[in-house]
């Protein structure tokens, strides 16, 4: 869901995100015998919402868009914004060049964050969250995040049994840590494991590490 380009007139709100996540969580818990919720073999993986939601947007660092004329974009959802850099592809250094430009944008933005982001204890690592959400809500890059999944998931956590929600969150953290996009400092809110759901196809399905690849 993104209010950009042909979807500009869509009615996408923070409350819609919350409603969808509550439905997904409720379904995963009520149908846990049919949903693949991998659990770590040890207790070192925390049931931590913070671990899922407080990393910097990976646009231009671990995620890129490519145009037909070989321009590298930090993210296709923010490509039309005038402050977003684009780099002509020449070689591998082109990606690093774009990454440095994105570092400069985030570095200059984090100390000017407004609203809830400006007072958040995680502003030094989250940097205000998803840029695509801010841009789709027609906000400036240093404005507060209009859809903070950390706050949404913390509210939702209180609406379910603690053991059920902890099992689900621990599974999400494990999936994030073992995904192809695993990174200690960056993550994509739109590709986060709480938006995904894997059904058990057959008994052997839960035995293969390929189910998240």
Protein backbone atom coordinates (compact mmCIF):
# COMPACT_ATOMS: atom_id res chain seq x y z
CA UNK A 1 0.00 0.00 0.00
CA UNK A 2 1.51 3.28 -1.06
CA UNK A 3 -0.15 6.54 -2.03
CA UNK A 4 2.12 7.18 -4.99
CA UNK A 5 1.76 7.41 -8.77
CA UNK A 6 -1.53 5.73 -9.84
CA UNK A 7 -2.37 5.00 -6.20
CA UNK A 8 -2.10 8.63 -5.15
CA UNK A 9 -5.81 8.95 -4.40
CA UNK A 10 -6.01 5.75 -2.36
CA UNK A 11 -7.30 6.02 1.19
CA UNK A 12 -4.33 4.62 3.10
CA UNK A 13 -4.06 5.55 6.77
CA UNK A 14 -2.18 4.43 9.85
CA UNK A 15 -5.44 2.96 11.17
CA UNK A 16 -5.74 0.81 8.03
CA UNK A 17 -2.27 -0.60 8.68
CA UNK A 18 -3.31 -1.35 12.26
CA UNK A 19 -6.54 -3.05 11.18
CA UNK A 20 -4.69 -5.24 8.66
CA UNK A 21 -1.99 -6.23 11.14
CA UNK A 22 -4.58 -7.08 13.79
CA UNK A 23 -6.37 -9.34 11.28
CA UNK A 24 -3.13 -11.06 10.27
CA UNK A 25 -2.03 -11.57 13.88
CA UNK A 26 -5.42 -12.87 14.94
CA UNK A 27 -5.52 -15.30 12.01
CA UNK A 28 -1.98 -16.56 12.64
CA UNK A 29 -2.78 -17.20 16.30
CA UNK A 30 -6.19 -18.80 15.73
CA UNK A 31 -4.84 -21.00 12.93
CA UNK A 32 -1.42 -21.73 14.42
CA UNK A 33 -1.69 -25.43 13.58
CA UNK A 34 -1.75 -24.51 9.89
CA UNK A 35 0.64 -21.54 9.81
CA UNK A 36 4.39 -22.09 9.59
CA UNK A 37 5.82 -20.23 12.61
CA UNK A 38 9.43 -21.34 12.97
CA UNK A 39 10.81 -21.14 16.48
CA UNK A 40 14.50 -20.83 17.39
CA UNK A 41 16.07 -23.80 19.12
CA UNK A 42 17.44 -21.59 21.88
CA UNK A 43 16.13 -18.70 23.99
CA UNK A 44 18.55 -16.10 22.65
CA UNK A 45 16.05 -14.83 20.07
CA UNK A 46 13.87 -12.30 21.93
CA UNK A 47 10.18 -11.68 21.47
CA UNK A 48 11.16 -8.10 20.75
CA UNK A 49 9.06 -5.69 18.72
CA UNK A 50 11.94 -3.21 18.93
CA UNK A 51 14.23 -5.65 17.10
CA UNK A 52 11.73 -5.77 14.24
CA UNK A 53 10.87 -2.12 13.88
CA UNK A 54 13.77 0.16 14.83
CA UNK A 55 16.25 -0.23 11.97
CA UNK A 56 17.03 2.32 9.30
CA UNK A 57 15.23 2.22 5.96
CA UNK A 58 17.39 0.18 3.58
CA UNK A 59 16.69 2.34 0.52
CA UNK A 60 19.88 2.83 -1.45
CA UNK A 61 21.94 0.66 0.89
CA UNK A 62 20.54 -2.86 0.80
CA UNK A 63 17.67 -2.23 -1.60
CA UNK A 64 17.69 -0.62 -5.05
CA UNK A 65 15.46 0.03 -8.01
CA UNK A 66 16.71 -0.11 -11.61
CA UNK A 67 15.20 1.80 -14.54
CA UNK A 68 15.29 0.59 -18.18
CA UNK A 69 17.95 3.23 -18.96
CA UNK A 70 20.20 1.87 -16.19
CA UNK A 71 19.60 4.47 -13.51
CA UNK A 72 19.94 3.14 -9.96
CA UNK A 73 17.23 4.32 -7.58
CA UNK A 74 17.27 3.97 -3.78
CA UNK A 75 13.67 2.69 -3.93
CA UNK A 76 11.10 2.78 -6.70
CA UNK A 77 8.48 4.13 -4.27
CA UNK A 78 10.44 7.33 -3.65
CA UNK A 79 12.00 7.82 -7.08
CA UNK A 80 9.82 10.87 -7.94
CA UNK A 81 10.87 12.86 -4.89
CA UNK A 82 13.17 15.78 -5.84
CA UNK A 83 15.55 15.14 -2.93
CA UNK A 84 16.12 11.48 -3.79
CA UNK A 85 19.38 10.79 -5.65
CA UNK A 86 19.71 8.74 -8.82
CA UNK A 87 22.97 7.33 -10.13
CA UNK A 88 23.77 6.15 -13.66
CA UNK A 89 25.07 2.61 -13.52
CA UNK A 90 28.66 2.21 -14.61
CA UNK A 91 30.02 -0.49 -12.32
CA UNK A 92 29.76 -1.80 -8.76
CA UNK A 93 31.01 1.53 -7.43
CA UNK A 94 27.76 3.11 -8.66
CA UNK A 95 25.83 1.32 -5.92
CA UNK A 96 28.30 2.48 -3.28
CA UNK A 97 28.03 6.02 -4.60
CA UNK A 98 24.25 5.97 -4.18
CA UNK A 99 24.67 4.47 -0.71
CA UNK A 100 26.92 7.35 0.35
CA UNK A 101 24.36 9.86 -0.88
CA UNK A 102 21.63 8.13 1.11
CA UNK A 103 23.87 8.09 4.19
CA UNK A 104 24.24 11.86 3.85
CA UNK A 105 20.44 12.30 3.62
CA UNK A 106 19.77 10.24 6.73
CA UNK A 107 22.69 11.70 8.66
CA UNK A 108 21.47 15.24 8.08
CA UNK A 109 17.88 14.29 8.87
CA UNK A 110 18.09 12.39 12.16
CA UNK A 111 18.89 15.43 14.29
CA UNK A 112 15.96 17.36 12.80
CA UNK A 113 13.28 14.69 13.19
CA UNK A 114 9.97 16.08 14.36
CA UNK A 115 6.94 14.82 16.26
CA UNK A 116 7.07 11.39 17.84
CA UNK A 117 10.30 10.58 15.97
CA UNK A 118 12.12 13.58 17.45
CA UNK A 119 11.62 12.33 21.01
CA UNK A 120 11.89 8.57 20.32
CA UNK A 121 14.72 6.73 22.08
CA UNK A 122 15.42 4.83 18.82
CA UNK A 123 15.87 7.87 16.55
CA UNK A 124 19.64 7.24 16.37
CA UNK A 125 19.08 3.84 14.74
CA UNK A 126 15.66 4.15 13.09
CA UNK A 127 16.21 7.63 11.56
CA UNK A 128 12.49 8.18 11.28
CA UNK A 129 11.51 4.97 9.53
CA UNK A 130 10.21 4.35 6.02
CA UNK A 131 10.80 7.22 3.58
CA UNK A 132 8.11 5.95 1.22
CA UNK A 133 5.46 6.35 3.90
CA UNK A 134 6.47 9.93 4.64
CA UNK A 135 6.51 10.85 0.98
CA UNK A 136 3.18 9.14 0.28
CA UNK A 137 1.63 11.17 3.11
CA UNK A 138 3.18 14.31 1.57
CA UNK A 139 5.43 14.93 4.54
CA UNK A 140 8.96 16.28 4.63
CA UNK A 141 11.79 13.80 5.09
CA UNK A 142 12.45 14.97 8.65
CA UNK A 143 8.78 14.93 9.72
CA UNK A 144 7.50 12.23 12.02
CA UNK A 145 6.71 8.82 10.63
CA UNK A 146 2.96 8.70 9.81
CA UNK A 147 2.84 4.90 10.13
CA UNK A 148 5.03 3.75 13.04
CA UNK A 149 4.76 -0.04 13.09
CA UNK A 150 6.56 -0.14 16.43
CA UNK A 151 3.73 1.78 18.10
CA UNK A 152 1.09 -0.17 16.19
CA UNK A 153 2.50 -3.57 17.19
CA UNK A 154 2.91 -2.46 20.80
CA UNK A 155 -0.78 -1.53 20.92
CA UNK A 156 -1.81 -4.78 19.26
CA UNK A 157 0.33 -6.83 21.62
CA UNK A 158 -2.03 -5.98 24.48
CA UNK A 159 -5.05 -7.35 22.61
CA UNK A 160 -3.83 -10.97 22.54
CA UNK A 161 -2.69 -13.56 25.04
CA UNK A 162 0.92 -12.87 25.98
CA UNK A 163 2.14 -16.41 25.26
CA UNK A 164 0.55 -16.38 21.79
CA UNK A 165 1.87 -12.98 20.77
CA UNK A 166 5.33 -13.69 22.18
CA UNK A 167 5.55 -16.88 20.13
CA UNK A 168 4.54 -14.96 17.02
CA UNK A 169 6.96 -12.07 17.59
CA UNK A 170 9.83 -14.48 18.34
CA UNK A 171 9.09 -16.23 15.06
CA UNK A 172 9.15 -12.90 13.20
CA UNK A 173 12.51 -11.97 14.73
CA UNK A 174 13.92 -15.38 13.83
CA UNK A 175 12.68 -15.03 10.24
CA UNK A 176 14.20 -11.54 9.94
CA UNK A 177 17.55 -12.75 11.27
CA UNK A 178 17.59 -15.69 8.86
CA UNK A 179 16.28 -13.96 5.75
CA UNK A 180 18.30 -13.03 2.68
CA UNK A 181 17.90 -9.39 3.73
CA UNK A 182 19.26 -9.93 7.23
CA UNK A 183 21.14 -6.85 8.44
CA UNK A 184 21.84 -5.49 11.90
CA UNK A 185 21.35 -1.87 10.92
CA UNK A 186 18.79 -1.76 8.09
CA UNK A 187 15.37 -3.25 7.38
CA UNK A 188 12.37 -2.59 5.15
CA UNK A 189 9.05 -1.98 6.86
CA UNK A 190 7.21 -3.11 3.74
CA UNK A 191 9.04 -6.43 3.54
CA UNK A 192 8.98 -7.17 7.27
CA UNK A 193 7.97 -10.69 8.35
CA UNK A 194 4.82 -9.50 10.08
CA UNK A 195 3.36 -8.82 6.62
CA UNK A 196 4.09 -12.37 5.44
CA UNK A 197 2.34 -15.64 6.18
CA UNK A 198 3.52 -19.11 5.23
CA UNK A 199 1.16 -22.05 5.34
CA UNK A 200 2.31 -25.56 6.11
CA UNK A 201 2.08 -27.38 2.79
CA UNK A 202 3.09 -30.81 3.99
CA UNK A 203 5.13 -32.36 6.78
CA UNK A 204 8.47 -31.99 5.01
CA UNK A 205 7.86 -28.29 4.43
CA UNK A 206 8.76 -27.35 8.00
CA UNK A 207 12.04 -29.25 7.74
CA UNK A 208 13.57 -27.23 4.92
CA UNK A 209 15.45 -23.97 5.31
CA UNK A 210 14.33 -22.94 1.82
CA UNK A 211 10.82 -22.00 2.89
CA UNK A 212 11.80 -18.36 3.47
CA UNK A 213 14.03 -18.08 0.42
